[in-house]
Amino acid sequence: MSRYNLIDTITYNDKNGTEYPVKDVRPIPSYINGREVPLPAESKIDGLITREDNFGPDTEEYTYAVTDYNIEKLAEHNFDLSRLKRIRIPVLEEVNA
C-alpha cells in the first residue's frame, strides 16, 4: 500500500477559482531507532542506503524514510546534501524482516 493512500484528498482553488483535487500534507513519521553514518562527498541518499551495510541492494524505495528521518537537518541546509557530513539511517521493520 502506498504511504499516500490514507492521506486525505483536499481541494485546491487557484486564483481563477479553478478547483483541483490534491493530497493533503503527509505527516512525517517518527523513527525511534537508527544510526548516524558519514555522508561522503557527492553522495545521494538512494546510493547510500543501497549499500550492504545500510538497507542493501534494491532498496531505493526507502529513500523517503531516510529523508523523513533527517527532514529537519535537510530543511536547515536547504536540501543541499553537500553541506551535510553525516546522515541518520532509520531502522525499518520491513527492510530488516
N, C-alpha and C. Protein backbone atom coordinates (compact mmCIF):
# COMPACT_ATOMS: atom_id res chain seq x y z
N MET A 1 0.85 -1.19 0.00
CA MET A 1 0.00 0.00 0.00
C MET A 1 0.89 1.24 0.00
N SER A 2 0.56 2.16 -0.85
CA SER A 2 1.30 3.41 -0.91
C SER A 2 1.10 4.20 0.37
N ARG A 3 2.15 4.86 0.82
CA ARG A 3 2.04 5.66 2.05
C ARG A 3 1.15 6.88 1.85
N TYR A 4 0.72 7.13 0.62
CA TYR A 4 -0.15 8.27 0.33
C TYR A 4 -1.62 7.90 0.28
N ASN A 5 -1.94 6.61 0.23
CA ASN A 5 -3.34 6.18 0.11
C ASN A 5 -4.23 6.68 1.24
N LEU A 6 -3.71 6.73 2.44
CA LEU A 6 -4.52 7.12 3.59
C LEU A 6 -4.57 8.64 3.81
N ILE A 7 -3.84 9.39 3.00
CA ILE A 7 -3.83 10.85 3.13
C ILE A 7 -5.10 11.40 2.48
N ASP A 8 -5.77 12.29 3.18
CA ASP A 8 -6.99 12.89 2.65
C ASP A 8 -6.72 13.67 1.37
N THR A 9 -7.69 13.65 0.49
CA THR A 9 -7.65 14.48 -0.71
C THR A 9 -8.43 15.76 -0.39
N ILE A 10 -7.80 16.88 -0.65
CA ILE A 10 -8.44 18.17 -0.39
C ILE A 10 -8.57 18.92 -1.71
N THR A 11 -9.29 20.02 -1.71
CA THR A 11 -9.48 20.81 -2.91
C THR A 11 -8.62 22.06 -2.84
N TYR A 12 -7.86 22.28 -3.90
CA TYR A 12 -7.06 23.49 -4.04
C TYR A 12 -7.77 24.39 -5.04
N ASN A 13 -7.97 25.64 -4.69
CA ASN A 13 -8.57 26.62 -5.58
C ASN A 13 -7.49 27.59 -6.03
N ASP A 14 -7.28 27.67 -7.35
CA ASP A 14 -6.28 28.62 -7.83
C ASP A 14 -6.89 30.03 -7.89
N LYS A 15 -6.07 31.00 -8.32
CA LYS A 15 -6.52 32.39 -8.30
C LYS A 15 -7.69 32.66 -9.24
N ASN A 16 -7.92 31.76 -10.20
CA ASN A 16 -9.04 31.91 -11.14
C ASN A 16 -10.29 31.17 -10.66
N GLY A 17 -10.20 30.55 -9.49
CA GLY A 17 -11.35 29.83 -8.95
C GLY A 17 -11.46 28.39 -9.43
N THR A 18 -10.48 27.93 -10.20
CA THR A 18 -10.49 26.53 -10.66
C THR A 18 -10.11 25.63 -9.50
N GLU A 19 -10.85 24.54 -9.33
CA GLU A 19 -10.60 23.61 -8.24
C GLU A 19 -9.80 22.40 -8.74
N TYR A 20 -8.85 21.98 -7.91
CA TYR A 20 -8.03 20.81 -8.22
C TYR A 20 -8.00 19.90 -6.99
N PRO A 21 -8.19 18.60 -7.18
CA PRO A 21 -8.02 17.68 -6.04
C PRO A 21 -6.53 17.42 -5.83
N VAL A 22 -6.08 17.59 -4.61
CA VAL A 22 -4.67 17.33 -4.26
C VAL A 22 -4.63 16.60 -2.93
N LYS A 23 -3.54 15.91 -2.68
CA LYS A 23 -3.37 15.24 -1.40
C LYS A 23 -2.97 16.26 -0.34
N ASP A 24 -3.48 16.09 0.85
CA ASP A 24 -3.13 16.96 1.98
C ASP A 24 -1.67 16.67 2.37
N VAL A 25 -1.15 17.42 3.29
CA VAL A 25 0.22 17.24 3.75
C VAL A 25 0.33 15.90 4.47
N ARG A 26 1.35 15.12 4.09
CA ARG A 26 1.58 13.82 4.72
C ARG A 26 2.31 14.04 6.04
N PRO A 27 1.79 13.49 7.14
CA PRO A 27 2.52 13.64 8.41
C PRO A 27 3.87 12.92 8.33
N ILE A 28 4.88 13.51 8.89
CA ILE A 28 6.20 12.91 8.91
C ILE A 28 6.26 11.92 10.08
N PRO A 29 6.51 10.64 9.80
CA PRO A 29 6.57 9.66 10.89
C PRO A 29 7.81 9.86 11.75
N SER A 30 7.75 9.39 12.99
CA SER A 30 8.93 9.42 13.85
C SER A 30 9.55 8.04 13.84
N TYR A 31 10.84 8.02 13.88
CA TYR A 31 11.58 6.77 13.95
C TYR A 31 12.30 6.75 15.29
N ILE A 32 12.15 5.66 16.00
CA ILE A 32 12.73 5.57 17.34
C ILE A 32 14.19 5.15 17.27
N ASN A 33 14.48 4.22 16.40
CA ASN A 33 15.84 3.69 16.32
C ASN A 33 16.51 4.10 15.03
N GLY A 34 17.80 4.18 15.08
CA GLY A 34 18.55 4.50 13.89
C GLY A 34 20.01 4.68 14.25
N ARG A 35 20.79 4.99 13.26
CA ARG A 35 22.20 5.25 13.50
C ARG A 35 22.66 6.34 12.55
N GLU A 36 23.73 6.98 12.93
CA GLU A 36 24.26 8.06 12.10
C GLU A 36 25.47 7.53 11.35
N VAL A 37 25.54 7.85 10.07
CA VAL A 37 26.65 7.38 9.23
C VAL A 37 27.26 8.57 8.49
N PRO A 38 28.52 8.45 8.10
CA PRO A 38 29.13 9.52 7.31
C PRO A 38 28.43 9.65 5.96
N LEU A 39 28.37 10.84 5.45
CA LEU A 39 27.81 11.10 4.13
C LEU A 39 28.95 11.59 3.25
N PRO A 40 29.55 10.65 2.48
CA PRO A 40 30.68 11.05 1.64
C PRO A 40 30.28 12.13 0.63
N ALA A 41 31.26 12.92 0.22
CA ALA A 41 31.01 13.98 -0.77
C ALA A 41 30.40 13.38 -2.03
N GLU A 42 29.52 14.13 -2.64
CA GLU A 42 28.85 13.73 -3.88
C GLU A 42 27.87 12.57 -3.70
N SER A 43 27.54 12.20 -2.48
CA SER A 43 26.61 11.10 -2.23
C SER A 43 25.17 11.51 -2.47
N LYS A 44 24.37 10.55 -2.84
CA LYS A 44 22.92 10.70 -2.95
C LYS A 44 22.32 9.72 -1.95
N ILE A 45 21.17 10.04 -1.41
CA ILE A 45 20.56 9.20 -0.38
C ILE A 45 20.28 7.80 -0.90
N ASP A 46 19.75 7.67 -2.10
CA ASP A 46 19.43 6.33 -2.60
C ASP A 46 20.69 5.48 -2.78
N GLY A 47 21.78 6.09 -3.19
CA GLY A 47 23.03 5.36 -3.31
C GLY A 47 23.58 4.92 -1.98
N LEU A 48 23.41 5.76 -0.98
CA LEU A 48 23.90 5.45 0.35
C LEU A 48 23.13 4.29 0.99
N ILE A 49 21.81 4.31 0.87
CA ILE A 49 21.03 3.28 1.56
C ILE A 49 21.11 1.92 0.89
N THR A 50 21.49 1.86 -0.38
CA THR A 50 21.56 0.56 -1.05
C THR A 50 22.88 -0.17 -0.80
N ARG A 51 23.75 0.43 -0.01
CA ARG A 51 24.99 -0.27 0.35
C ARG A 51 24.65 -1.41 1.32
N GLU A 52 25.46 -2.46 1.29
CA GLU A 52 25.23 -3.64 2.13
C GLU A 52 25.14 -3.30 3.61
N ASP A 53 25.93 -2.34 4.07
CA ASP A 53 25.94 -2.01 5.50
C ASP A 53 24.78 -1.10 5.91
N ASN A 54 23.93 -0.73 4.96
CA ASN A 54 22.73 0.04 5.28
C ASN A 54 21.51 -0.84 4.98
N PHE A 55 20.67 -0.49 4.02
CA PHE A 55 19.49 -1.32 3.73
C PHE A 55 19.80 -2.45 2.76
N GLY A 56 20.82 -2.30 1.93
CA GLY A 56 21.19 -3.33 0.98
C GLY A 56 20.69 -3.05 -0.43
N PRO A 57 21.02 -3.95 -1.36
CA PRO A 57 20.65 -3.74 -2.76
C PRO A 57 19.14 -3.65 -2.97
N ASP A 58 18.75 -2.93 -3.99
CA ASP A 58 17.35 -2.81 -4.42
C ASP A 58 16.42 -2.25 -3.35
N THR A 59 16.90 -1.29 -2.56
CA THR A 59 16.07 -0.69 -1.51
C THR A 59 15.85 0.80 -1.73
N GLU A 60 15.99 1.24 -2.97
CA GLU A 60 15.81 2.67 -3.28
C GLU A 60 14.44 3.18 -2.85
N GLU A 61 13.45 2.29 -2.81
CA GLU A 61 12.09 2.70 -2.44
C GLU A 61 12.01 3.25 -1.02
N TYR A 62 13.04 3.02 -0.20
CA TYR A 62 13.03 3.52 1.18
C TYR A 62 13.77 4.85 1.34
N THR A 63 14.10 5.49 0.23
CA THR A 63 14.75 6.80 0.29
C THR A 63 13.89 7.78 1.10
N TYR A 64 12.56 7.67 0.96
CA TYR A 64 11.66 8.55 1.69
C TYR A 64 11.88 8.46 3.21
N ALA A 65 12.17 7.26 3.73
CA ALA A 65 12.33 7.07 5.17
C ALA A 65 13.57 7.81 5.68
N VAL A 66 14.65 7.76 4.92
CA VAL A 66 15.87 8.47 5.31
C VAL A 66 15.62 9.98 5.22
N THR A 67 14.91 10.41 4.19
CA THR A 67 14.58 11.82 4.07
C THR A 67 13.69 12.26 5.24
N ASP A 68 12.67 11.47 5.56
CA ASP A 68 11.80 11.80 6.70
C ASP A 68 12.60 11.89 8.00
N TYR A 69 13.49 10.93 8.21
CA TYR A 69 14.26 10.84 9.46
C TYR A 69 15.21 12.04 9.61
N ASN A 70 15.59 12.64 8.50
CA ASN A 70 16.54 13.76 8.51
C ASN A 70 15.91 15.06 8.05
N ILE A 71 14.58 15.13 8.03
CA ILE A 71 13.90 16.26 7.39
C ILE A 71 14.29 17.62 7.98
N GLU A 72 14.46 17.70 9.29
CA GLU A 72 14.81 19.00 9.88
C GLU A 72 16.20 19.45 9.45
N LYS A 73 17.15 18.52 9.50
CA LYS A 73 18.52 18.86 9.11
C LYS A 73 18.57 19.20 7.61
N LEU A 74 17.85 18.45 6.80
CA LEU A 74 17.83 18.72 5.37
C LEU A 74 17.23 20.10 5.08
N ALA A 75 16.13 20.42 5.75
CA ALA A 75 15.49 21.73 5.54
C ALA A 75 16.42 22.86 5.98
N GLU A 76 17.11 22.68 7.11
CA GLU A 76 18.04 23.71 7.60
C GLU A 76 19.14 23.99 6.58
N HIS A 77 19.52 22.97 5.82
CA HIS A 77 20.60 23.11 4.83
C HIS A 77 20.06 23.23 3.41
N ASN A 78 18.78 23.63 3.31
CA ASN A 78 18.16 23.89 2.00
C ASN A 78 18.23 22.67 1.07
N PHE A 79 18.14 21.48 1.65
CA PHE A 79 18.17 20.21 0.92
C PHE A 79 19.43 20.04 0.09
N ASP A 80 20.51 20.67 0.52
CA ASP A 80 21.81 20.56 -0.15
C ASP A 80 22.64 19.52 0.60
N LEU A 81 22.69 18.30 0.06
CA LEU A 81 23.41 17.22 0.73
C LEU A 81 24.90 17.50 0.86
N SER A 82 25.45 18.32 -0.01
CA SER A 82 26.89 18.61 0.06
C SER A 82 27.25 19.36 1.34
N ARG A 83 26.27 19.93 2.00
CA ARG A 83 26.52 20.67 3.24
C ARG A 83 26.45 19.78 4.48
N LEU A 84 26.09 18.51 4.29
CA LEU A 84 25.98 17.58 5.41
C LEU A 84 27.17 16.64 5.44
N LYS A 85 27.68 16.38 6.63
CA LYS A 85 28.81 15.45 6.81
C LYS A 85 28.33 14.07 7.24
N ARG A 86 27.17 14.03 7.92
CA ARG A 86 26.61 12.79 8.43
C ARG A 86 25.11 12.79 8.21
N ILE A 87 24.53 11.59 8.14
CA ILE A 87 23.09 11.46 7.96
C ILE A 87 22.61 10.27 8.79
N ARG A 88 21.39 10.34 9.27
CA ARG A 88 20.85 9.26 10.10
C ARG A 88 20.08 8.27 9.22
N ILE A 89 20.28 6.99 9.50
CA ILE A 89 19.60 5.90 8.80
C ILE A 89 18.65 5.25 9.81
N PRO A 90 17.33 5.25 9.54
CA PRO A 90 16.40 4.64 10.50
C PRO A 90 16.41 3.12 10.41
N VAL A 91 15.93 2.48 11.45
CA VAL A 91 15.71 1.04 11.43
C VAL A 91 14.28 0.85 10.94
N LEU A 92 14.11 0.09 9.88
CA LEU A 92 12.80 -0.17 9.31
C LEU A 92 12.50 -1.65 9.41
N GLU A 93 11.37 -1.98 10.03
CA GLU A 93 10.98 -3.37 10.21
C GLU A 93 10.86 -4.10 8.87
N GLU A 94 10.27 -3.45 7.85
CA GLU A 94 10.04 -4.13 6.58
C GLU A 94 11.33 -4.44 5.83
N VAL A 95 12.39 -3.66 6.10
CA VAL A 95 13.68 -3.91 5.45
C VAL A 95 14.43 -4.99 6.20
N ASN A 96 14.30 -4.99 7.52
CA ASN A 96 15.06 -5.92 8.35
C ASN A 96 14.36 -7.25 8.57
N ALA A 97 13.19 -7.44 7.99
CA ALA A 97 12.45 -8.68 8.22
C ALA A 97 13.05 -9.84 7.47
